[in-house]
Amino acid sequence: MKKIISLFLSALLAAGCASSLIGCSDNGTDSEEGSSAPVTSSAEEGTPEEEEETEWVDPFADTDFGGRAFRVSTSIDENDATNADYLIRGSEELNGESVNDAVYNRNQKIAELLNIKFEFTESSYSVGSAESDVKQLVVAGDDAYDVLINDIRAMANLSRDGYIHNIYNAPVIDFDQSYWYTEAMKDCQFIEGGMYLLIGDYFTDALQSCHCLYQNKDILSNTYQDPNYIASMVFEGKWTFDAMIKVITETKQDLNGDGKMTQGDDLFGFTCWGKWGSMIPFLIGTDIKFIERTDDGPQYCFNNERSVKILEKLNELFYADGAHSDLADASVKTLQTLFSNGLTTMVGYNRLGNLANFREVEFNMSAIPYPKLDEDQENYSTSMHDTSEIGVLLMTLPLDSMEYVCTVLEVCGRETNRMVIPEWYENGLKIKYANGQDDAKMIDLIHDTITDPFALAYDQALSNFMMSSCFSSPLGSNNTDFASNYKKYEKVGNKALEKAYAKFADNLANGN
């Protein structure tokens, strides 16, 4: 989604330019629903001529689906850091909580506008079972849902195997609108014309699940006499692997003085959960390019000196004195507890949507992006996760229902952009960032640099060659030999890539 998710700009415009971060334009134009303030012109001085205000007409105002059900499979999986349910279904009643009420009001507005009724089904698929569970629905011919929302990795595998409708030429949906993340969807194409994964504002987990680090600014103040020690490096483009390793080693403390670092007793410079999931945002943060697209399909392009350096720096960071990844109680909750108790300067394997979990901490803290490989890297890169939840249309959905489903999804995207994203941003995120503009700018930076999700979607489908075989596996054993690992798994990786491309080509040839 690199440089195309203008989350805050679109959200704040939808909210009438209410944010203190981005003001309304100087000319007074109000972009809400296509309307504009009256504009005056003068043919000669002192003779103003008013132009008529253009009234916006909703293109769906006359749409009436006669009370038809819109069936949504919404994820309630609580095993991972985030899920989509509270932003898709909500509590289905007003309860005074701003984000929930925005979700409720959005659903009510869409239901009334299109004369439909939402029917939500809870789907608690685990990370390991989501693909097979959804596949069983299709094999059984079960037309149970109009749209299904679940993990990008599992849905990408199903798209390869022909279980998901191609939405490349979907009717009604306007992919030029900002509430669709079209570049991200294009990045997930193996072949031009084959687009299967719906990513956009309505599937809000793609946004809330983006990775960020959290920093304890009080510890930085105690160590460097500057709570903005890291923030300054971020904005100067100097927040790199080396800079983070330096902070890790300089802020760790053996609090109980027993000569060893112990979880729960001592202060670590960085804490995360394991190597695989925690490594992903660091790897994507290097702005690595895994494939290049050719006339013969995608080809791997990361067997180079940059990848050699990436693996070396990953090992330096994860095995730095003061880094801790082998949790005694491995869970996101444990990570958040350690951070909230002031026992780690920085914490990984958390998402931007987890900010609400830190509202009660008693120290100054903020989100920061993952580091660049080095200062020569032009931009920061922010990663989704392979369990970020997106939307798909299963092949069991009849073709004569496509226009209906796509119409509803188009309106869902539009109204989410107008009604839910502003509340989620203003009250679900920004509430923690009242201490100054810099902290709010940091969130802006994180979202503006969300990068292409191809590797997250397809690494498993490609025999785990890109991220697992070449990076996380050697990292797990403190192995820095990238060349040997690449050569060891190259044949399997290339075979998987060719096989996947052939399947997508067959899907297109068969009309999907």
Protein backbone atom coordinates (compact mmCIF):
# COMPACT_ATOMS: atom_id res chain seq x y z
CA MET A 1 0.00 0.00 0.00
CA LYS A 2 3.09 2.16 -0.17
CA LYS A 3 2.31 5.87 -0.31
CA ILE A 4 -1.32 5.17 -1.29
CA ILE A 5 -3.00 4.72 2.06
CA SER A 6 -3.77 8.32 2.82
CA LEU A 7 -5.70 7.18 5.87
CA PHE A 8 -5.63 10.32 7.87
CA LEU A 9 -6.11 12.70 4.98
CA SER A 10 -9.19 10.88 3.73
CA ALA A 11 -10.51 10.32 7.23
CA LEU A 12 -10.11 13.91 8.25
CA LEU A 13 -11.59 15.24 5.04
CA ALA A 14 -14.56 12.95 5.65
CA ALA A 15 -14.85 14.42 9.12
CA GLY A 16 -14.95 17.94 7.75
CA CYS A 17 -11.25 18.66 8.31
CA ALA A 18 -11.81 18.43 12.05
CA SER A 19 -8.33 17.31 13.00
CA SER A 20 -5.67 19.61 14.34
CA LEU A 21 -3.15 17.76 12.13
CA ILE A 22 -4.57 18.70 8.75
CA GLY A 23 -6.61 21.84 8.30
CA CYS A 24 -9.18 22.69 5.65
CA SER A 25 -7.83 24.19 2.47
CA ASP A 26 -7.35 27.91 2.37
CA ASN A 27 -10.01 28.44 -0.28
CA GLY A 28 -12.75 27.18 2.03
CA THR A 29 -13.74 24.28 -0.20
CA ASP A 30 -15.75 21.62 1.60
CA SER A 31 -15.30 18.27 -0.11
CA GLU A 32 -18.00 16.51 1.95
CA GLU A 33 -20.26 14.60 -0.42
CA GLY A 34 -18.97 16.51 -3.42
CA SER A 35 -20.47 19.83 -2.33
CA SER A 36 -18.63 23.13 -2.26
CA ALA A 37 -19.10 26.49 -0.64
CA PRO A 38 -20.49 29.29 -2.83
CA VAL A 39 -17.76 30.83 -4.96
CA THR A 40 -17.84 34.46 -5.97
CA SER A 41 -16.26 35.97 -9.04
CA SER A 42 -16.20 39.45 -10.40
CA ALA A 43 -16.38 40.48 -14.02
CA GLU A 44 -15.45 43.98 -12.89
CA GLU A 45 -14.43 45.37 -9.51
CA GLY A 46 -17.32 45.81 -7.06
CA THR A 47 -19.73 43.63 -9.04
CA PRO A 48 -19.65 40.17 -7.40
CA GLU A 49 -21.43 37.40 -9.21
CA GLU A 50 -22.45 34.34 -7.17
CA GLU A 51 -22.32 30.91 -8.73
CA GLU A 52 -25.00 28.42 -7.77
CA GLU A 53 -23.97 25.78 -5.28
CA THR A 54 -23.80 22.33 -6.82
CA GLU A 55 -25.96 19.90 -4.89
CA TRP A 56 -24.46 16.44 -4.43
CA VAL A 57 -26.72 13.59 -5.51
CA ASP A 58 -26.04 10.15 -4.08
CA PRO A 59 -25.72 7.78 -7.07
CA PHE A 60 -27.29 5.04 -4.93
CA ALA A 61 -30.25 7.13 -3.77
CA ASP A 62 -32.75 5.20 -5.89
CA THR A 63 -31.28 1.77 -5.21
CA ASP A 64 -33.74 -0.63 -3.58
CA PHE A 65 -32.92 -4.27 -2.96
CA GLY A 66 -36.25 -5.02 -1.36
CA GLY A 67 -34.97 -5.97 2.09
CA ARG A 68 -32.50 -8.52 0.77
CA ALA A 69 -30.03 -9.93 3.31
CA PHE A 70 -26.36 -9.05 3.02
CA ARG A 71 -24.53 -11.98 4.57
CA VAL A 72 -21.16 -11.27 6.14
CA SER A 73 -18.77 -13.80 7.68
CA THR A 74 -16.89 -11.71 10.23
CA SER A 75 -13.86 -12.90 12.16
CA ILE A 76 -13.86 -13.12 15.95
CA ASP A 77 -10.55 -14.96 16.26
CA GLU A 78 -8.90 -13.67 19.43
CA ASN A 79 -5.67 -15.64 19.11
CA ASP A 80 -3.93 -12.91 17.14
CA ALA A 81 -3.35 -9.24 17.92
CA THR A 82 -6.39 -7.82 16.11
CA ASN A 83 -9.55 -8.92 14.33
CA ALA A 84 -12.24 -7.28 12.27
CA ASP A 85 -15.49 -7.95 14.09
CA TYR A 86 -15.89 -4.79 16.18
CA LEU A 87 -15.32 -2.65 13.08
CA ILE A 88 -17.60 -4.72 10.83
CA ARG A 89 -20.49 -5.76 13.04
CA GLY A 90 -19.92 -3.91 16.30
CA SER A 91 -22.26 -4.64 19.19
CA GLU A 92 -25.29 -4.19 16.87
CA GLU A 93 -26.66 -1.55 19.25
CA LEU A 94 -25.73 1.90 20.47
CA ASN A 95 -23.73 1.79 23.70
CA GLY A 96 -22.14 5.23 23.93
CA GLU A 97 -18.71 4.07 22.78
CA SER A 98 -17.78 6.28 19.84
CA VAL A 99 -16.28 3.69 17.47
CA ASN A 100 -19.00 1.12 18.14
CA ASP A 101 -21.72 3.74 17.63
CA ALA A 102 -20.10 4.85 14.37
CA VAL A 103 -20.14 1.23 13.16
CA TYR A 104 -23.79 0.86 14.20
CA ASN A 105 -24.81 4.13 12.51
CA ARG A 106 -22.93 3.21 9.35
CA ASN A 107 -24.67 -0.15 9.11
CA GLN A 108 -28.06 1.46 9.75
CA LYS A 109 -27.46 4.13 7.12
CA ILE A 110 -26.43 1.59 4.48
CA ALA A 111 -29.35 -0.69 5.33
CA GLU A 112 -31.81 2.18 4.92
CA LEU A 113 -30.17 3.61 1.79
CA LEU A 114 -30.11 0.30 -0.11
CA ASN A 115 -33.07 -1.37 1.62
CA ILE A 116 -31.06 -4.36 2.82
CA LYS A 117 -30.50 -6.07 6.14
CA PHE A 118 -27.12 -7.11 7.43
CA GLU A 119 -26.73 -10.69 8.63
CA PHE A 120 -23.46 -11.35 10.45
CA THR A 121 -22.00 -14.78 11.18
CA GLU A 122 -19.18 -15.20 13.65
CA SER A 123 -16.27 -17.18 12.22
CA SER A 124 -13.57 -18.13 14.72
CA TYR A 125 -11.04 -19.70 12.38
CA SER A 126 -7.57 -20.18 13.82
CA VAL A 127 -4.45 -19.14 11.92
CA GLY A 128 -3.78 -22.75 10.97
CA SER A 129 -7.35 -23.76 10.06
CA ALA A 130 -8.77 -20.74 8.23
CA GLU A 131 -7.78 -21.97 4.77
CA SER A 132 -9.15 -25.50 5.19
CA ASP A 133 -12.31 -24.31 6.98
CA VAL A 134 -13.21 -21.90 4.18
CA LYS A 135 -12.25 -24.43 1.52
CA GLN A 136 -14.78 -26.89 3.00
CA LEU A 137 -17.55 -24.32 2.50
CA VAL A 138 -16.75 -24.01 -1.19
CA VAL A 139 -16.29 -27.75 -1.78
CA ALA A 140 -19.68 -28.34 -0.15
CA GLY A 141 -21.24 -25.77 -2.49
CA ASP A 142 -22.43 -23.76 0.49
CA ASP A 143 -23.56 -20.31 -0.66
CA ALA A 144 -23.57 -19.06 2.92
CA TYR A 145 -21.96 -15.62 2.60
CA ASP A 146 -21.93 -12.65 0.27
CA VAL A 147 -18.52 -11.62 1.60
CA LEU A 148 -16.09 -13.44 3.87
CA ILE A 149 -13.47 -11.61 5.94
CA ASN A 150 -10.36 -13.39 7.16
CA ASP A 151 -6.57 -13.69 7.06
CA ILE A 152 -4.80 -12.45 3.94
CA ARG A 153 -2.45 -15.45 3.88
CA ALA A 154 -5.24 -18.04 3.95
CA MET A 155 -7.33 -16.16 1.40
CA ALA A 156 -4.33 -15.77 -0.93
CA ASN A 157 -3.83 -19.54 -0.90
CA LEU A 158 -7.50 -20.07 -1.72
CA SER A 159 -7.32 -17.57 -4.58
CA ARG A 160 -4.44 -19.53 -6.09
CA ASP A 161 -6.47 -22.73 -5.93
CA GLY A 162 -9.54 -21.25 -7.61
CA TYR A 163 -11.90 -20.91 -4.64
CA ILE A 164 -12.37 -17.14 -4.85
CA HIS A 165 -14.01 -14.90 -7.45
CA ASN A 166 -11.84 -12.61 -9.57
CA ILE A 167 -12.87 -9.00 -8.87
CA TYR A 168 -10.60 -7.39 -11.49
CA ASN A 169 -13.60 -6.27 -13.53
CA ALA A 170 -16.09 -6.22 -10.66
CA PRO A 171 -19.24 -4.24 -11.45
CA VAL A 172 -20.08 -1.02 -9.58
CA ILE A 173 -16.92 -0.94 -7.44
CA ASP A 174 -14.89 2.19 -8.16
CA PHE A 175 -11.29 1.26 -7.46
CA ASP A 176 -10.22 4.86 -8.10
CA GLN A 177 -11.75 5.88 -4.78
CA SER A 178 -9.43 6.34 -1.81
CA TYR A 179 -11.38 3.89 0.34
CA TRP A 180 -10.11 1.07 -1.89
CA TYR A 181 -6.38 0.31 -1.59
CA THR A 182 -6.00 -0.50 -5.24
CA GLU A 183 -2.19 -0.53 -5.35
CA ALA A 184 -2.13 -3.10 -2.56
CA MET A 185 -4.63 -5.27 -4.43
CA LYS A 186 -2.58 -4.95 -7.61
CA ASP A 187 0.55 -5.97 -5.73
CA CYS A 188 -1.19 -9.24 -4.82
CA GLN A 189 -1.74 -10.11 -8.49
CA PHE A 190 0.34 -12.95 -9.90
CA ILE A 191 -0.89 -12.15 -13.37
CA GLU A 192 -2.47 -9.06 -14.85
CA GLY A 193 -6.24 -9.39 -14.79
CA GLY A 194 -6.35 -11.70 -11.77
CA MET A 195 -7.34 -9.75 -8.65
CA TYR A 196 -8.96 -11.66 -5.79
CA LEU A 197 -8.28 -9.92 -2.48
CA LEU A 198 -10.38 -6.95 -1.38
CA ILE A 199 -8.39 -4.45 0.70
CA GLY A 200 -9.84 -1.13 1.79
CA ASP A 201 -11.40 0.99 4.52
CA TYR A 202 -14.34 -1.37 5.09
CA PHE A 203 -11.89 -4.17 5.86
CA THR A 204 -10.36 -1.94 8.52
CA ASP A 205 -8.18 -4.61 10.07
CA ALA A 206 -5.74 -4.09 7.19
CA LEU A 207 -5.11 -0.69 8.79
CA GLN A 208 -5.35 -1.43 12.48
CA SER A 209 -3.11 -4.50 12.14
CA CYS A 210 -0.15 -2.65 10.64
CA HIS A 211 2.98 -3.14 12.73
CA CYS A 212 4.66 -0.52 14.86
CA LEU A 213 7.02 -0.46 17.81
CA TYR A 214 6.04 1.15 21.11
CA GLN A 215 8.60 3.11 23.11
CA ASN A 216 8.79 4.09 26.78
CA LYS A 217 9.81 7.76 26.60
CA ASP A 218 10.48 7.99 30.35
CA ILE A 219 13.26 5.40 30.05
CA LEU A 220 14.72 7.37 27.14
CA SER A 221 14.56 10.53 29.22
CA ASN A 222 16.38 8.82 32.10
CA THR A 223 19.06 7.43 29.79
CA TYR A 224 19.56 10.26 27.30
CA GLN A 225 17.90 13.19 29.10
CA ASP A 226 15.63 13.44 26.06
CA PRO A 227 12.22 11.71 25.80
CA ASN A 228 12.27 12.39 22.05
CA TYR A 229 15.64 10.73 21.51
CA ILE A 230 14.22 8.13 19.09
CA ALA A 231 11.56 10.41 17.61
CA SER A 232 14.20 12.90 16.53
CA MET A 233 16.11 10.16 14.73
CA VAL A 234 12.91 8.99 13.03
CA PHE A 235 12.08 12.40 11.61
CA GLU A 236 15.70 12.97 10.56
CA GLY A 237 15.70 9.65 8.67
CA LYS A 238 18.34 8.21 11.00
CA TRP A 239 16.28 5.52 12.76
CA THR A 240 18.16 2.44 11.52
CA PHE A 241 19.02 -1.08 12.72
CA ASP A 242 22.28 0.21 14.16
CA ALA A 243 20.50 3.02 15.98
CA MET A 244 17.97 0.61 17.49
CA ILE A 245 20.66 -1.85 18.56
CA LYS A 246 22.44 1.02 20.31
CA VAL A 247 19.28 1.96 22.23
CA ILE A 248 18.66 -1.68 23.19
CA THR A 249 22.11 -2.13 24.69
CA GLU A 250 22.25 1.28 26.37
CA THR A 251 18.84 1.18 28.07
CA LYS A 252 18.80 -2.38 29.43
CA GLN A 253 19.37 -2.68 33.18
CA ASP A 254 20.02 -5.55 35.57
CA LEU A 255 17.60 -4.16 38.14
CA ASN A 256 18.06 -6.84 40.78
CA GLY A 257 21.82 -6.93 40.40
CA ASP A 258 22.15 -10.70 40.07
CA GLY A 259 24.33 -10.48 36.98
CA LYS A 260 21.79 -11.88 34.56
CA MET A 261 18.79 -10.57 32.63
CA THR A 262 15.51 -12.15 33.75
CA GLN A 263 12.02 -11.56 32.37
CA GLY A 264 9.85 -9.80 34.92
CA ASP A 265 12.80 -8.75 37.11
CA ASP A 266 15.01 -6.68 34.83
CA LEU A 267 14.67 -3.95 32.23
CA PHE A 268 15.23 -5.07 28.63
CA GLY A 269 15.93 -2.70 25.76
CA PHE A 270 13.61 -4.60 23.41
CA THR A 271 11.11 -7.41 23.97
CA CYS A 272 9.16 -9.39 21.38
CA TRP A 273 7.51 -12.76 20.93
CA GLY A 274 9.63 -15.35 19.12
CA LYS A 275 11.52 -14.88 15.86
CA TRP A 276 9.04 -15.58 13.04
CA GLY A 277 6.17 -13.14 13.59
CA SER A 278 8.38 -10.58 15.29
CA MET A 279 10.88 -10.66 12.41
CA ILE A 280 8.32 -9.88 9.69
CA PRO A 281 8.00 -6.12 10.31
CA PHE A 282 11.78 -5.75 10.62
CA LEU A 283 12.29 -7.55 7.30
CA ILE A 284 9.57 -5.59 5.49
CA GLY A 285 10.93 -2.45 7.16
CA THR A 286 14.11 -2.79 5.08
CA ASP A 287 12.02 -2.07 1.96
CA ILE A 288 13.13 -5.39 0.51
CA LYS A 289 11.92 -6.28 -3.00
CA PHE A 290 11.20 -10.00 -3.30
CA ILE A 291 9.94 -10.25 -6.87
CA GLU A 292 9.97 -8.47 -10.18
CA ARG A 293 7.21 -8.94 -12.72
CA THR A 294 8.19 -10.04 -16.21
CA ASP A 295 6.35 -11.16 -19.34
CA ASP A 296 6.87 -14.72 -18.12
CA GLY A 297 5.43 -14.03 -14.68
CA PRO A 298 6.96 -12.95 -11.37
CA GLN A 299 10.62 -13.78 -10.73
CA TYR A 300 12.57 -13.63 -7.47
CA CYS A 301 14.99 -10.70 -7.29
CA PHE A 302 16.33 -10.69 -3.71
CA ASN A 303 19.45 -12.85 -4.05
CA ASN A 304 21.83 -9.94 -3.56
CA GLU A 305 24.20 -8.19 -1.15
CA ARG A 306 21.37 -6.22 0.41
CA SER A 307 19.71 -9.44 1.61
CA VAL A 308 23.07 -10.59 3.02
CA LYS A 309 23.23 -7.40 5.07
CA ILE A 310 19.59 -7.71 6.15
CA LEU A 311 20.11 -11.17 7.63
CA GLU A 312 23.28 -10.02 9.40
CA LYS A 313 21.51 -7.02 10.95
CA LEU A 314 18.49 -9.12 11.97
CA ASN A 315 20.81 -11.41 13.89
CA GLU A 316 22.67 -8.49 15.48
CA LEU A 317 19.41 -6.99 16.70
CA PHE A 318 17.62 -10.09 17.95
CA TYR A 319 20.72 -11.36 19.76
CA ALA A 320 21.82 -7.96 21.08
CA ASP A 321 22.61 -7.64 24.77
CA GLY A 322 19.29 -6.43 26.17
CA ALA A 323 17.02 -7.97 23.50
CA HIS A 324 14.53 -10.61 24.67
CA SER A 325 12.42 -12.77 22.34
CA ASP A 326 12.06 -16.08 24.18
CA LEU A 327 9.15 -15.26 26.48
CA ALA A 328 8.39 -17.60 29.36
CA ASP A 329 4.70 -17.05 28.64
CA ALA A 330 4.51 -16.40 24.91
CA SER A 331 1.54 -14.17 24.16
CA VAL A 332 0.69 -10.66 23.05
CA LYS A 333 -0.82 -10.07 26.50
CA THR A 334 2.49 -10.90 28.17
CA LEU A 335 4.30 -8.46 25.88
CA GLN A 336 1.82 -5.72 26.68
CA THR A 337 2.06 -6.41 30.43
CA LEU A 338 5.86 -6.21 30.39
CA PHE A 339 5.72 -2.92 28.52
CA SER A 340 2.98 -1.48 30.74
CA ASN A 341 5.03 -2.41 33.82
CA GLY A 342 8.00 -0.45 32.51
CA LEU A 343 10.19 -3.51 31.99
CA THR A 344 11.16 -2.91 28.37
CA THR A 345 12.20 0.24 26.52
CA MET A 346 10.63 -0.94 23.29
CA VAL A 347 8.12 -3.70 22.54
CA GLY A 348 7.54 -5.48 19.22
CA TYR A 349 4.89 -7.76 17.71
CA ASN A 350 2.20 -5.17 18.35
CA ARG A 351 -0.06 -3.33 15.94
CA LEU A 352 -1.24 0.25 15.73
CA GLY A 353 -4.71 -0.92 16.75
CA ASN A 354 -3.25 -2.17 20.05
CA LEU A 355 -2.79 1.42 21.21
CA ALA A 356 -6.04 1.23 23.18
CA ASN A 357 -4.44 -1.43 25.37
CA PHE A 358 -1.91 1.12 26.66
CA ARG A 359 -4.25 3.94 27.66
CA GLU A 360 -3.68 3.32 31.37
CA VAL A 361 0.11 3.26 31.41
CA GLU A 362 1.67 5.69 33.88
CA PHE A 363 4.56 6.87 31.70
CA ASN A 364 4.97 8.77 28.46
CA MET A 365 4.91 6.45 25.47
CA SER A 366 4.27 6.53 21.75
CA ALA A 367 4.36 4.48 18.57
CA ILE A 368 7.39 4.54 16.28
CA PRO A 369 8.04 2.87 12.91
CA TYR A 370 10.33 -0.09 12.45
CA PRO A 371 13.88 0.96 11.56
CA LYS A 372 15.38 1.33 8.12
CA LEU A 373 18.24 -0.97 7.17
CA ASP A 374 20.58 2.02 6.96
CA GLU A 375 20.49 5.74 6.22
CA ASP A 376 20.87 5.08 2.49
CA GLN A 377 17.36 3.60 2.49
CA GLU A 378 15.07 6.35 1.27
CA ASN A 379 11.84 5.59 3.13
CA TYR A 380 10.56 3.74 6.17
CA SER A 381 8.36 0.74 5.33
CA THR A 382 5.48 -0.41 7.51
CA SER A 383 4.24 -3.98 7.37
CA MET A 384 0.83 -5.56 7.59
CA HIS A 385 0.82 -9.10 8.96
CA ASP A 386 -0.02 -12.37 7.24
CA THR A 387 -3.11 -12.52 9.48
CA SER A 388 -4.36 -9.05 8.55
CA GLU A 389 -7.99 -9.57 7.63
CA ILE A 390 -9.26 -8.72 4.15
CA GLY A 391 -12.41 -9.56 2.14
CA VAL A 392 -13.13 -12.17 -0.53
CA LEU A 393 -16.07 -13.37 -2.58
CA LEU A 394 -16.20 -17.16 -2.53
CA MET A 395 -16.86 -19.09 -5.73
CA THR A 396 -20.11 -20.36 -4.24
CA LEU A 397 -21.54 -16.85 -4.71
CA PRO A 398 -23.68 -16.99 -7.88
CA LEU A 399 -22.57 -14.73 -10.71
CA ASP A 400 -26.01 -13.12 -10.83
CA SER A 401 -25.39 -11.88 -7.28
CA MET A 402 -22.16 -10.09 -8.13
CA GLU A 403 -23.70 -6.72 -8.94
CA TYR A 404 -25.73 -6.76 -5.73
CA VAL A 405 -22.74 -7.69 -3.56
CA CYS A 406 -20.40 -5.23 -5.22
CA THR A 407 -22.94 -2.42 -4.85
CA VAL A 408 -23.20 -3.03 -1.13
CA LEU A 409 -19.42 -3.28 -0.74
CA GLU A 410 -18.90 -0.02 -2.61
CA VAL A 411 -21.29 1.79 -0.28
CA CYS A 412 -19.73 0.05 2.74
CA GLY A 413 -16.33 1.37 1.72
CA ARG A 414 -17.62 4.89 1.17
CA GLU A 415 -19.53 5.09 4.43
CA THR A 416 -16.71 3.51 6.44
CA ASN A 417 -14.43 6.23 5.12
CA ARG A 418 -16.92 8.91 6.15
CA MET A 419 -18.28 7.58 9.41
CA VAL A 420 -16.02 4.96 11.02
CA ILE A 421 -12.45 5.85 10.10
CA PRO A 422 -12.70 9.38 11.56
CA GLU A 423 -14.02 8.04 14.88
CA TRP A 424 -11.50 5.23 14.98
CA TYR A 425 -8.73 7.72 14.36
CA GLU A 426 -9.92 10.55 16.58
CA ASN A 427 -11.13 8.51 19.55
CA GLY A 428 -9.49 5.12 19.08
CA LEU A 429 -5.98 6.33 18.32
CA LYS A 430 -5.41 10.03 18.69
CA ILE A 431 -6.66 10.16 22.29
CA LYS A 432 -3.25 8.86 23.37
CA TYR A 433 -1.41 11.51 21.39
CA ALA A 434 -2.50 14.71 23.11
CA ASN A 435 1.05 15.60 24.20
CA GLY A 436 2.08 17.25 20.97
CA GLN A 437 2.07 17.29 17.18
CA ASP A 438 5.15 15.08 16.86
CA ASP A 439 3.44 12.00 18.30
CA ALA A 440 0.49 12.48 15.96
CA LYS A 441 2.84 13.00 13.00
CA MET A 442 4.44 9.68 13.93
CA ILE A 443 1.16 7.84 13.36
CA ASP A 444 0.81 9.62 10.05
CA LEU A 445 4.28 8.44 9.05
CA ILE A 446 3.55 4.84 10.03
CA HIS A 447 0.39 4.68 7.94
CA ASP A 448 1.78 6.55 4.97
CA THR A 449 4.55 3.96 4.64
CA ILE A 450 2.48 0.75 4.73
CA THR A 451 4.17 -1.29 2.02
CA ASP A 452 3.23 -3.87 -0.60
CA PRO A 453 1.70 -7.04 0.91
CA PHE A 454 2.76 -9.63 -1.71
CA ALA A 455 5.22 -11.50 0.53
CA LEU A 456 2.82 -11.49 3.47
CA ALA A 457 0.05 -12.91 1.31
CA TYR A 458 2.00 -15.53 -0.61
CA ASP A 459 5.05 -16.66 1.37
CA GLN A 460 3.28 -19.80 2.56
CA ALA A 461 1.92 -20.48 -0.93
CA LEU A 462 5.49 -20.26 -2.23
CA SER A 463 6.82 -22.92 0.15
CA ASN A 464 7.78 -20.27 2.73
CA PHE A 465 10.78 -19.40 0.57
CA MET A 466 10.86 -15.62 0.80
CA MET A 467 10.53 -14.83 4.49
CA SER A 468 10.83 -18.14 6.33
CA SER A 469 13.52 -20.17 4.56
CA CYS A 470 15.85 -17.29 3.79
CA PHE A 471 15.41 -15.14 6.89
CA SER A 472 13.44 -16.37 9.90
CA SER A 473 14.80 -19.94 9.90
CA PRO A 474 18.47 -18.92 9.93
CA LEU A 475 17.63 -16.13 12.40
CA GLY A 476 16.23 -18.75 14.78
CA SER A 477 19.65 -20.39 15.01
CA ASN A 478 21.72 -17.18 14.87
CA ASN A 479 22.85 -18.05 11.34
CA THR A 480 23.99 -15.17 9.13
CA ASP A 481 24.77 -17.17 5.96
CA PHE A 482 22.13 -15.85 3.56
CA ALA A 483 23.77 -17.24 0.41
CA SER A 484 23.78 -20.83 1.65
CA ASN A 485 20.16 -20.67 2.80
CA TYR A 486 19.03 -19.14 -0.48
CA LYS A 487 20.85 -21.78 -2.50
CA LYS A 488 19.50 -24.56 -0.29
CA TYR A 489 15.85 -23.62 -0.89
CA GLU A 490 16.07 -21.89 -4.29
CA LYS A 491 14.91 -24.86 -6.35
CA VAL A 492 11.86 -25.43 -4.14
CA GLY A 493 11.06 -21.73 -4.18
CA ASN A 494 11.26 -21.42 -7.95
CA LYS A 495 9.16 -24.52 -8.46
CA ALA A 496 6.48 -23.16 -6.12
CA LEU A 497 6.51 -19.82 -7.94
CA GLU A 498 6.10 -21.46 -11.34
CA LYS A 499 3.34 -23.71 -10.03
CA ALA A 500 1.43 -20.82 -8.46
CA TYR A 501 1.72 -18.72 -11.60
CA ALA A 502 0.44 -21.62 -13.72
CA LYS A 503 -2.58 -22.02 -11.45
CA PHE A 504 -3.45 -18.32 -11.65
CA ALA A 505 -3.06 -18.45 -15.44
CA ASP A 506 -5.42 -21.44 -15.57
CA ASN A 507 -7.93 -19.57 -13.41
CA LEU A 508 -7.96 -16.68 -15.86
CA ALA A 509 -8.19 -19.00 -18.85
CA ASN A 510 -11.24 -20.63 -17.24
CA GLY A 511 -12.95 -17.26 -16.77
CA ASN A 512 -12.01 -16.56 -13.15
